[in-house]
Protein backbone atom coordinates (compact mmCIF):
# COMPACT_ATOMS: atom_id res chain seq x y z
CA MET A 1 5.87 5.47 6.85
CA LEU A 2 6.92 4.70 10.37
CA HIS A 3 5.55 1.16 10.27
CA LEU A 4 8.42 0.14 7.97
CA LYS A 5 10.90 0.81 10.80
CA TRP A 6 9.03 -1.02 13.57
CA LYS A 7 10.86 -4.32 13.04
CA ASP A 8 14.20 -2.67 13.87
CA ALA A 9 12.76 -0.46 16.63
CA PRO A 10 13.55 -1.18 20.27
CA THR A 11 11.15 -3.45 22.11
CA VAL A 12 8.58 -1.58 24.22
CA ARG A 13 7.75 -4.60 26.42
CA THR A 14 6.97 -8.30 26.12
CA VAL A 15 3.53 -9.91 26.28
CA THR A 16 2.34 -13.50 26.60
CA CYS A 17 -0.36 -14.93 24.34
CA LYS A 18 -3.25 -16.23 26.48
CA HIS A 19 -5.59 -17.57 23.77
CA THR A 20 -6.15 -17.76 20.01
CA ASN A 21 -9.93 -18.14 20.06
CA ALA A 22 -10.87 -15.47 17.55
CA SER A 23 -14.48 -15.02 16.54
CA LYS A 24 -13.75 -13.27 13.25
CA TYR A 25 -10.15 -13.93 12.16
CA LEU A 26 -7.80 -16.93 12.11
CA VAL A 27 -4.86 -16.17 14.40
CA SER A 28 -3.88 -19.67 15.54
CA ASN A 29 -1.43 -20.06 12.64
CA VAL A 30 0.59 -16.95 13.62
CA LEU A 31 0.25 -16.92 17.43
CA THR A 32 1.02 -19.70 19.91
CA VAL A 33 -0.59 -19.84 23.34
CA GLY A 34 2.02 -19.40 26.07
CA ASN A 35 4.68 -17.81 23.83
CA GLN A 36 6.12 -14.42 24.67
CA TYR A 37 6.21 -11.78 21.96
CA ASP A 38 8.09 -8.48 21.72
CA VAL A 39 5.83 -5.44 21.46
CA LYS A 40 7.09 -2.95 18.89
CA ASN A 41 4.19 -0.47 18.99
CA GLU A 42 0.89 -0.16 20.78
CA THR A 43 -2.36 1.74 20.28
CA GLU A 44 -5.51 1.92 22.34
CA GLU A 45 -7.00 -1.18 20.70
CA PHE A 46 -4.09 -3.04 19.05
CA ILE A 47 -0.65 -4.42 19.88
CA PHE A 48 1.92 -4.67 17.10
CA ILE A 49 4.30 -7.60 17.63
CA ILE A 50 6.71 -9.80 15.73
CA ASP A 51 4.61 -12.94 15.31
CA ASN A 52 5.55 -16.54 14.40
CA THR A 53 6.06 -15.59 10.73
CA GLY A 54 8.85 -13.17 11.69
CA ASN A 55 6.92 -10.14 10.48
CA ILE A 56 5.12 -7.34 12.31
CA GLY A 57 1.44 -8.05 12.90
CA GLY A 58 -1.28 -6.06 14.61
CA TYR A 59 -3.58 -7.95 16.98
CA TYR A 60 -6.33 -7.07 19.43
CA LYS A 61 -5.11 -6.66 22.99
CA ASP A 62 -7.48 -9.33 24.33
CA TYR A 63 -5.21 -12.12 22.97
CA PHE A 64 -2.42 -11.12 25.38
CA GLU A 65 -1.74 -10.78 29.10
């Protein structure tokens, strides 16, 4: 259960949110356009960050620069 340790893991890099226009999911309440977020883990399709709620969340890469 490695995902339980991601919050305390070192930051891989930082990304900036470029939009919250999601076609399927509501992300505007947990991401803010222009804010920088610390990346804790990354896959081919998703970025796992600490979002505005203070918890780890997985989001599609197309929301970030």
